[in-house]
Amino acid sequence: MSRRDQNPGSVITFILGVTVGAAAALLLAPKAGKELRQDLAEGMNDGMDQLRSAGKDLKQRAGKFAEQAQENVQDALEAGQKAYRQAKA
């Protein structure tokens, strides 16, 4: 399966799973409260950074898709107009 065939929702699901897994590992690890809170905060920051990165990637791909769709619509419109003119002549 190519990277383009993946569902964008699967990226978010993966990131969510990593975040939940990391939080569970930290909660089950024998650490002091201050260290645990610091580790949780760092884990959440990392997760947010990954989520932002995935969001930017998704935004770029959506923009490219919208451009391509717009070009296809324009091409179809021009072909329809040409066919109409030919049929009318």
Foldseek 3Di string as FASTA:
>chain_A
DDPVPDDLVVQVVVLVVVLVVQLVVLVPDDDDPVVSVVSNVVSVVVSVVSVVVSVVVVVVVVVVVVVVVVVVVVVVVVVVVVVVVVVVD
